[in-house]
Amino acid sequence: MPPLTPELAAGPDRFHEPRREDCPWCGSRRLRTRLRTPDLLHHRPGTFTVDVCRDCAHTFQNPRLSPAGLALYHRDFYDGRLEDYTDRLHTTRAGRRRHRAAARVMQGLPEPESWLDVGTGHAQFPRTAQELFAYTSFDGLDPTLRVGRAQVEGHIEEAHCGYLAMPEVLAQLRGRYDVVSMLHHLQHTPDPRAELRAALTALRPGGHVLIDVPNPRSAFARLLGKWWIPYGQPRHLHLMPMANLRAELESQGCQILRTDRKSPHTPYDISAALGLFLSRVLPKRWLRGAAPLVAVARLADHALAPLLRRTPFSNAYRIVARKGC
């Protein structure tokens, strides 16, 4: 476990907002606790609860971390301690292949002049998408300063820092884009519905939104419990079933052009869960010896992927929608 910061030494509970008694998506009070878990990735102190709505199946952190708490728990990730690791993760051949697959679904549509990638991080997705859309101008938005570095490195034209739903951010971006992509971004946002509506505001009439998010109805979410890595506590605040996002987009006048569970699936459920479990129960000096076991689990993930991508076991889904004119 990393050394306690002065803030966490005083106790983590003060970084939580009050517990909600209703669903943040539909307002139902029929909530059920799905799991309680510590920070399994960074091993910082604190326990986090994930509730699910019995009516709409929206899954969310409850009580939610405050903005100060979220920033604190992400500090290692944002300030570079894990930056080299995430760079390697997203620039692997598999990572580039997933980015190309996400960009390729837009190729049958009118070629965009301008594209905003929300939650862009190091802008690895725009960097890959540029290979398919050579004449498109890509901008990036991210809550962290990584987006500024991505601009300096030439991966995006403009860099914007914050959440899209922030009024001062949206005022600069209103009606500017032909495509807004949000790839594994909505689960990190305090208000995903507001962020989704802001994406539509940033689009020109007839523009398109491209969304990838984890699938909370994946069978692995139930089988693996807190070890299912897309639960991502405390980083992930909301997990939305596909039906909820579809209904929200349609209520805003959008036409759903495509939904997909196959290509967004990432074959890591078993191996990532095993890795988290072993890092929790084994002394650090023994983890290297467990590497062959994780490698076998990784082979199982890849062997099962062709089947799982076609079933509710898929761990992510994609929606492409057109904004009404």
Protein backbone atom coordinates (compact mmCIF):
# COMPACT_ATOMS: atom_id res chain seq x y z
CA MET A 1 0.00 0.00 0.00
CA PRO A 2 1.38 3.47 -0.88
CA PRO A 3 2.12 5.83 2.01
CA LEU A 4 -0.86 7.82 3.22
CA THR A 5 -1.17 11.40 2.07
CA PRO A 6 -1.90 13.91 4.86
CA GLU A 7 -5.46 14.20 3.53
CA LEU A 8 -6.19 10.47 3.73
CA ALA A 9 -4.41 10.09 7.06
CA ALA A 10 -7.25 12.14 8.54
CA GLY A 11 -9.78 9.57 7.27
CA PRO A 12 -11.25 8.92 3.80
CA ASP A 13 -14.93 9.23 4.75
CA ARG A 14 -14.86 13.02 4.59
CA PHE A 15 -14.25 12.81 0.83
CA HIS A 16 -17.67 11.23 0.23
CA GLU A 17 -20.84 13.12 -0.56
CA PRO A 18 -24.05 12.20 1.32
CA ARG A 19 -25.51 8.85 0.34
CA ARG A 20 -28.34 9.01 -2.21
CA GLU A 21 -31.66 7.37 -1.50
CA ASP A 22 -32.79 7.52 -5.14
CA CYS A 23 -31.43 6.56 -8.55
CA PRO A 24 -29.54 9.41 -10.24
CA TRP A 25 -30.83 8.24 -13.63
CA CYS A 26 -34.56 7.57 -13.17
CA GLY A 27 -35.29 8.80 -9.62
CA SER A 28 -36.52 5.42 -8.34
CA ARG A 29 -35.96 4.71 -4.66
CA ARG A 30 -35.76 0.95 -5.29
CA LEU A 31 -32.01 0.60 -4.81
CA ARG A 32 -29.98 -2.49 -4.04
CA THR A 33 -26.35 -2.70 -2.98
CA ARG A 34 -24.43 -4.70 -5.58
CA LEU A 35 -20.99 -4.68 -3.93
CA ARG A 36 -18.63 -3.06 -1.46
CA THR A 37 -14.96 -2.94 -2.31
CA PRO A 38 -11.68 -1.27 -1.41
CA ASP A 39 -9.44 0.41 -3.98
CA LEU A 40 -8.14 -2.81 -5.56
CA LEU A 41 -5.89 -1.10 -8.11
CA HIS A 42 -3.99 1.54 -6.14
CA HIS A 43 -4.59 0.10 -2.65
CA ARG A 44 -5.47 3.44 -1.12
CA PRO A 45 -7.63 3.38 2.03
CA GLY A 46 -11.39 3.55 1.94
CA THR A 47 -14.36 1.36 1.08
CA PHE A 48 -16.64 2.10 -1.86
CA THR A 49 -20.22 0.96 -2.37
CA VAL A 50 -21.84 0.31 -5.74
CA ASP A 51 -25.64 0.34 -5.87
CA VAL A 52 -27.96 -0.70 -8.69
CA CYS A 53 -31.46 0.60 -9.42
CA ARG A 54 -34.03 -2.20 -9.43
CA ASP A 55 -36.14 -0.32 -11.99
CA CYS A 56 -33.72 0.95 -14.67
CA ALA A 57 -30.56 -1.06 -13.76
CA HIS A 58 -28.40 2.07 -13.57
CA THR A 59 -25.32 1.16 -11.51
CA PHE A 60 -23.50 3.84 -9.53
CA GLN A 61 -21.09 4.64 -6.71
CA ASN A 62 -23.12 5.48 -3.59
CA PRO A 63 -22.09 7.50 -1.66
CA ARG A 64 -20.17 9.19 -4.44
CA LEU A 65 -16.73 10.70 -3.98
CA SER A 66 -16.73 14.47 -3.83
CA PRO A 67 -14.77 16.35 -6.54
CA ALA A 68 -11.94 16.78 -4.05
CA GLY A 69 -12.03 13.09 -3.17
CA LEU A 70 -12.08 11.99 -6.79
CA ALA A 71 -9.08 14.18 -7.58
CA LEU A 72 -7.25 12.84 -4.55
CA TYR A 73 -7.79 9.18 -5.40
CA HIS A 74 -6.75 9.82 -9.00
CA ARG A 75 -3.65 11.77 -8.09
CA ASP A 76 -1.18 8.93 -8.73
CA PHE A 77 -2.79 8.24 -12.08
CA TYR A 78 -3.01 11.87 -13.19
CA ASP A 79 0.32 13.12 -11.89
CA GLY A 80 2.42 10.57 -13.70
CA ARG A 81 3.06 7.71 -11.27
CA LEU A 82 1.13 5.39 -13.56
CA GLU A 83 1.55 7.45 -16.71
CA ASP A 84 4.22 5.24 -18.26
CA TYR A 85 2.05 2.20 -17.59
CA THR A 86 -1.03 3.71 -19.26
CA ASP A 87 1.03 4.85 -22.22
CA ARG A 88 2.17 1.27 -22.77
CA LEU A 89 -1.37 0.00 -22.34
CA HIS A 90 -2.87 2.30 -24.97
CA THR A 91 -0.06 2.11 -27.53
CA THR A 92 0.04 -1.67 -27.69
CA ARG A 93 -0.99 -3.34 -30.93
CA ALA A 94 -4.28 -4.44 -29.31
CA GLY A 95 -5.00 -0.91 -28.09
CA ARG A 96 -4.40 0.57 -31.53
CA ARG A 97 -6.57 -2.14 -33.08
CA ARG A 98 -9.47 -1.22 -30.76
CA HIS A 99 -9.07 2.47 -31.60
CA ARG A 100 -9.03 1.74 -35.33
CA ALA A 101 -12.18 -0.38 -34.98
CA ALA A 102 -13.94 2.46 -33.16
CA ALA A 103 -12.92 5.00 -35.80
CA ARG A 104 -13.78 2.68 -38.67
CA VAL A 105 -17.47 2.61 -37.79
CA MET A 106 -17.64 6.28 -38.84
CA GLN A 107 -16.20 5.68 -42.31
CA GLY A 108 -19.55 4.98 -43.94
CA LEU A 109 -20.84 8.40 -42.86
CA PRO A 110 -20.06 11.82 -44.40
CA GLU A 111 -16.39 12.63 -43.76
CA PRO A 112 -16.19 15.00 -40.77
CA GLU A 113 -14.35 18.31 -40.95
CA SER A 114 -14.07 18.59 -37.17
CA TRP A 115 -14.02 15.94 -34.44
CA LEU A 116 -13.93 16.35 -30.66
CA ASP A 117 -12.64 13.44 -28.58
CA VAL A 118 -13.97 13.75 -25.02
CA GLY A 119 -11.96 12.10 -22.25
CA THR A 120 -9.06 11.95 -24.68
CA GLY A 121 -6.25 11.58 -22.10
CA HIS A 122 -3.02 11.36 -24.11
CA ALA A 123 -5.08 11.58 -27.35
CA GLN A 124 -4.17 8.08 -28.46
CA PHE A 125 -7.57 7.70 -30.13
CA PRO A 126 -7.29 10.87 -32.28
CA ARG A 127 -3.75 9.86 -33.16
CA THR A 128 -5.03 6.54 -34.52
CA ALA A 129 -8.22 7.93 -36.09
CA GLN A 130 -6.16 10.47 -38.03
CA GLU A 131 -4.79 7.58 -40.07
CA LEU A 132 -8.33 6.95 -41.39
CA PHE A 133 -9.49 10.58 -41.52
CA ALA A 134 -6.51 12.47 -42.89
CA TYR A 135 -8.48 15.65 -43.63
CA THR A 136 -10.32 15.86 -40.31
CA SER A 137 -9.30 18.31 -37.60
CA PHE A 138 -9.22 16.60 -34.18
CA ASP A 139 -9.61 18.46 -30.89
CA GLY A 140 -9.41 16.94 -27.42
CA LEU A 141 -11.10 17.44 -24.06
CA ASP A 142 -10.03 15.85 -20.79
CA PRO A 143 -10.41 16.60 -17.05
CA THR A 144 -6.62 16.31 -16.66
CA LEU A 145 -3.59 18.19 -17.90
CA ARG A 146 -2.66 15.26 -20.14
CA VAL A 147 -4.69 16.91 -22.90
CA GLY A 148 -2.29 19.86 -22.96
CA ARG A 149 0.66 17.55 -23.44
CA ALA A 150 -1.20 15.80 -26.26
CA GLN A 151 -1.59 19.15 -28.02
CA VAL A 152 2.10 19.98 -27.58
CA GLU A 153 2.97 16.58 -29.08
CA GLY A 154 0.78 17.36 -32.10
CA HIS A 155 -1.89 14.69 -31.60
CA ILE A 156 -4.76 17.24 -31.51
CA GLU A 157 -5.32 20.78 -32.80
CA GLU A 158 -7.02 22.28 -29.74
CA ALA A 159 -6.88 21.16 -26.10
CA HIS A 160 -9.67 21.86 -23.61
CA CYS A 161 -9.48 20.92 -19.94
CA GLY A 162 -12.53 19.98 -17.88
CA TYR A 163 -15.83 18.19 -18.36
CA LEU A 164 -17.91 18.96 -21.43
CA ALA A 165 -20.95 19.82 -19.29
CA MET A 166 -19.08 22.63 -17.53
CA PRO A 167 -20.70 25.90 -18.78
CA GLU A 168 -17.37 27.63 -19.37
CA VAL A 169 -16.18 24.68 -21.49
CA LEU A 170 -19.39 24.16 -23.45
CA ALA A 171 -19.64 27.86 -24.28
CA GLN A 172 -16.44 27.54 -26.34
CA LEU A 173 -17.49 24.36 -28.13
CA ARG A 174 -21.19 24.81 -28.88
CA GLY A 175 -22.15 23.73 -32.41
CA ARG A 176 -18.57 23.29 -33.64
CA TYR A 177 -18.22 19.59 -34.43
CA ASP A 178 -19.36 16.98 -36.92
CA VAL A 179 -18.40 14.11 -34.58
CA VAL A 180 -18.07 13.90 -30.80
CA SER A 181 -16.52 10.68 -29.50
CA MET A 182 -16.76 9.58 -25.86
CA LEU A 183 -14.80 6.34 -25.51
CA HIS A 184 -14.95 5.00 -21.96
CA HIS A 185 -15.54 8.50 -20.65
CA LEU A 186 -19.12 8.64 -19.36
CA GLN A 187 -18.46 6.24 -16.47
CA HIS A 188 -15.95 8.74 -15.03
CA THR A 189 -18.29 11.75 -15.08
CA PRO A 190 -20.27 13.06 -12.09
CA ASP A 191 -23.39 13.49 -14.28
CA PRO A 192 -23.33 11.30 -17.42
CA ARG A 193 -26.72 12.52 -18.64
CA ALA A 194 -25.53 16.14 -18.52
CA GLU A 195 -22.30 15.16 -20.27
CA LEU A 196 -24.25 13.36 -22.98
CA ARG A 197 -26.54 16.34 -23.58
CA ALA A 198 -23.50 18.62 -23.70
CA ALA A 199 -22.02 16.38 -26.42
CA LEU A 200 -25.15 16.92 -28.50
CA THR A 201 -24.88 20.67 -27.90
CA ALA A 202 -21.29 20.62 -29.20
CA LEU A 203 -22.47 18.91 -32.41
CA ARG A 204 -23.69 20.65 -35.52
CA PRO A 205 -27.17 19.61 -36.75
CA GLY A 206 -26.86 16.18 -38.34
CA GLY A 207 -23.60 15.48 -36.52
CA HIS A 208 -22.77 12.14 -34.94
CA VAL A 209 -21.90 10.95 -31.46
CA LEU A 210 -19.78 7.83 -30.90
CA ILE A 211 -19.97 6.25 -27.43
CA ASP A 212 -18.17 3.27 -25.89
CA VAL A 213 -18.93 2.33 -22.27
CA PRO A 214 -18.68 -0.74 -20.00
CA ASN A 215 -21.72 -3.01 -19.94
CA PRO A 216 -22.97 -3.35 -16.33
CA ARG A 217 -25.26 -6.17 -17.46
CA SER A 218 -22.31 -8.30 -18.53
CA ALA A 219 -22.60 -11.72 -16.95
CA PHE A 220 -18.99 -11.31 -15.79
CA ALA A 221 -20.10 -8.35 -13.67
CA ARG A 222 -22.17 -10.78 -11.60
CA LEU A 223 -19.78 -13.74 -11.75
CA LEU A 224 -16.66 -11.82 -10.72
CA GLY A 225 -18.21 -9.25 -8.37
CA LYS A 226 -15.76 -6.64 -7.13
CA TRP A 227 -12.95 -8.30 -9.11
CA TRP A 228 -14.62 -7.33 -12.41
CA ILE A 229 -12.27 -4.55 -13.49
CA PRO A 230 -14.87 -2.29 -15.22
CA TYR A 231 -16.40 -1.62 -11.80
CA GLY A 232 -13.21 0.42 -11.44
CA GLN A 233 -13.71 1.68 -7.91
CA PRO A 234 -13.22 4.46 -7.02
CA ARG A 235 -12.62 5.76 -10.57
CA HIS A 236 -15.97 4.79 -12.11
CA LEU A 237 -18.98 6.70 -10.82
CA HIS A 238 -21.72 5.43 -13.18
CA LEU A 239 -22.30 2.33 -15.32
CA MET A 240 -25.27 2.62 -17.69
CA PRO A 241 -27.11 -0.21 -19.45
CA MET A 242 -27.45 0.19 -23.20
CA ALA A 243 -31.22 0.63 -22.98
CA ASN A 244 -30.80 3.71 -20.79
CA LEU A 245 -28.38 5.44 -23.15
CA ARG A 246 -30.50 4.58 -26.18
CA ALA A 247 -33.62 6.01 -24.55
CA GLU A 248 -31.81 9.19 -23.51
CA LEU A 249 -30.42 9.79 -27.00
CA GLU A 250 -33.80 9.16 -28.59
CA SER A 251 -35.49 11.52 -26.11
CA GLN A 252 -33.07 14.22 -27.32
CA GLY A 253 -34.16 13.72 -30.94
CA CYS A 254 -31.29 11.47 -32.03
CA GLN A 255 -31.49 8.59 -34.46
CA ILE A 256 -29.67 5.45 -33.34
CA LEU A 257 -27.60 4.30 -36.31
CA ARG A 258 -25.72 1.40 -34.78
CA THR A 259 -25.29 -0.55 -31.58
CA ASP A 260 -22.48 -3.06 -31.13
CA ARG A 261 -21.38 -5.41 -28.37
CA LYS A 262 -18.84 -7.33 -30.44
CA SER A 263 -15.93 -5.04 -31.33
CA PRO A 264 -15.89 -3.02 -28.06
CA HIS A 265 -15.37 -6.20 -26.01
CA THR A 266 -11.89 -6.35 -24.49
CA PRO A 267 -10.67 -9.86 -23.60
CA TYR A 268 -9.40 -9.21 -20.07
CA ASP A 269 -12.20 -10.16 -17.64
CA ILE A 270 -10.67 -13.33 -16.19
CA SER A 271 -7.00 -12.33 -16.32
CA ALA A 272 -7.60 -8.84 -14.89
CA ALA A 273 -9.75 -10.24 -12.07
CA LEU A 274 -7.09 -12.83 -11.26
CA GLY A 275 -4.38 -10.16 -11.32
CA LEU A 276 -6.34 -7.95 -8.92
CA PHE A 277 -7.02 -10.88 -6.61
CA LEU A 278 -3.41 -12.07 -6.51
CA SER A 279 -2.09 -8.57 -5.88
CA ARG A 280 -4.49 -8.35 -2.96
CA VAL A 281 -3.67 -11.67 -1.28
CA LEU A 282 -0.01 -12.32 -2.14
CA PRO A 283 3.07 -10.50 -0.90
CA LYS A 284 4.57 -8.37 -3.63
CA ARG A 285 7.70 -10.55 -3.82
CA TRP A 286 5.57 -13.54 -4.80
CA LEU A 287 3.66 -11.88 -7.65
CA ARG A 288 6.33 -12.58 -10.25
CA GLY A 289 5.94 -16.29 -9.59
CA ALA A 290 2.20 -16.02 -10.27
CA ALA A 291 2.76 -14.55 -13.75
CA PRO A 292 2.32 -17.92 -15.53
CA LEU A 293 -1.10 -18.33 -13.92
CA VAL A 294 -2.18 -14.89 -15.16
CA ALA A 295 -0.82 -15.75 -18.61
CA VAL A 296 -3.03 -18.86 -18.71
CA ALA A 297 -6.03 -16.73 -17.71
CA ARG A 298 -5.16 -14.30 -20.51
CA LEU A 299 -5.17 -17.17 -23.00
CA ALA A 300 -8.61 -18.18 -21.69
CA ASP A 301 -9.86 -14.61 -22.19
CA HIS A 302 -8.73 -14.60 -25.81
CA ALA A 303 -10.01 -18.09 -26.48
CA LEU A 304 -13.47 -17.21 -25.16
CA ALA A 305 -13.63 -13.75 -26.79
CA PRO A 306 -15.19 -14.84 -30.13
CA LEU A 307 -18.08 -16.42 -28.24
CA LEU A 308 -18.46 -13.80 -25.51
CA ARG A 309 -18.60 -10.91 -27.97
CA ARG A 310 -21.89 -12.24 -29.29
CA THR A 311 -23.57 -12.73 -25.93
CA PRO A 312 -24.52 -10.71 -22.85
CA PHE A 313 -21.05 -11.60 -21.50
CA SER A 314 -19.60 -8.79 -23.63
CA ASN A 315 -18.00 -6.33 -21.22
CA ALA A 316 -18.64 -3.16 -23.26
CA TYR A 317 -20.94 -1.78 -25.93
CA ARG A 318 -20.94 0.96 -28.56
CA ILE A 319 -23.64 3.34 -29.77
CA VAL A 320 -23.48 5.58 -32.85
CA ALA A 321 -26.25 8.17 -33.11
CA ARG A 322 -27.10 11.10 -35.39
CA LYS A 323 -28.24 14.39 -33.93
CA GLY A 324 -31.53 15.67 -35.31
CA CYS A 325 -31.45 18.58 -37.73
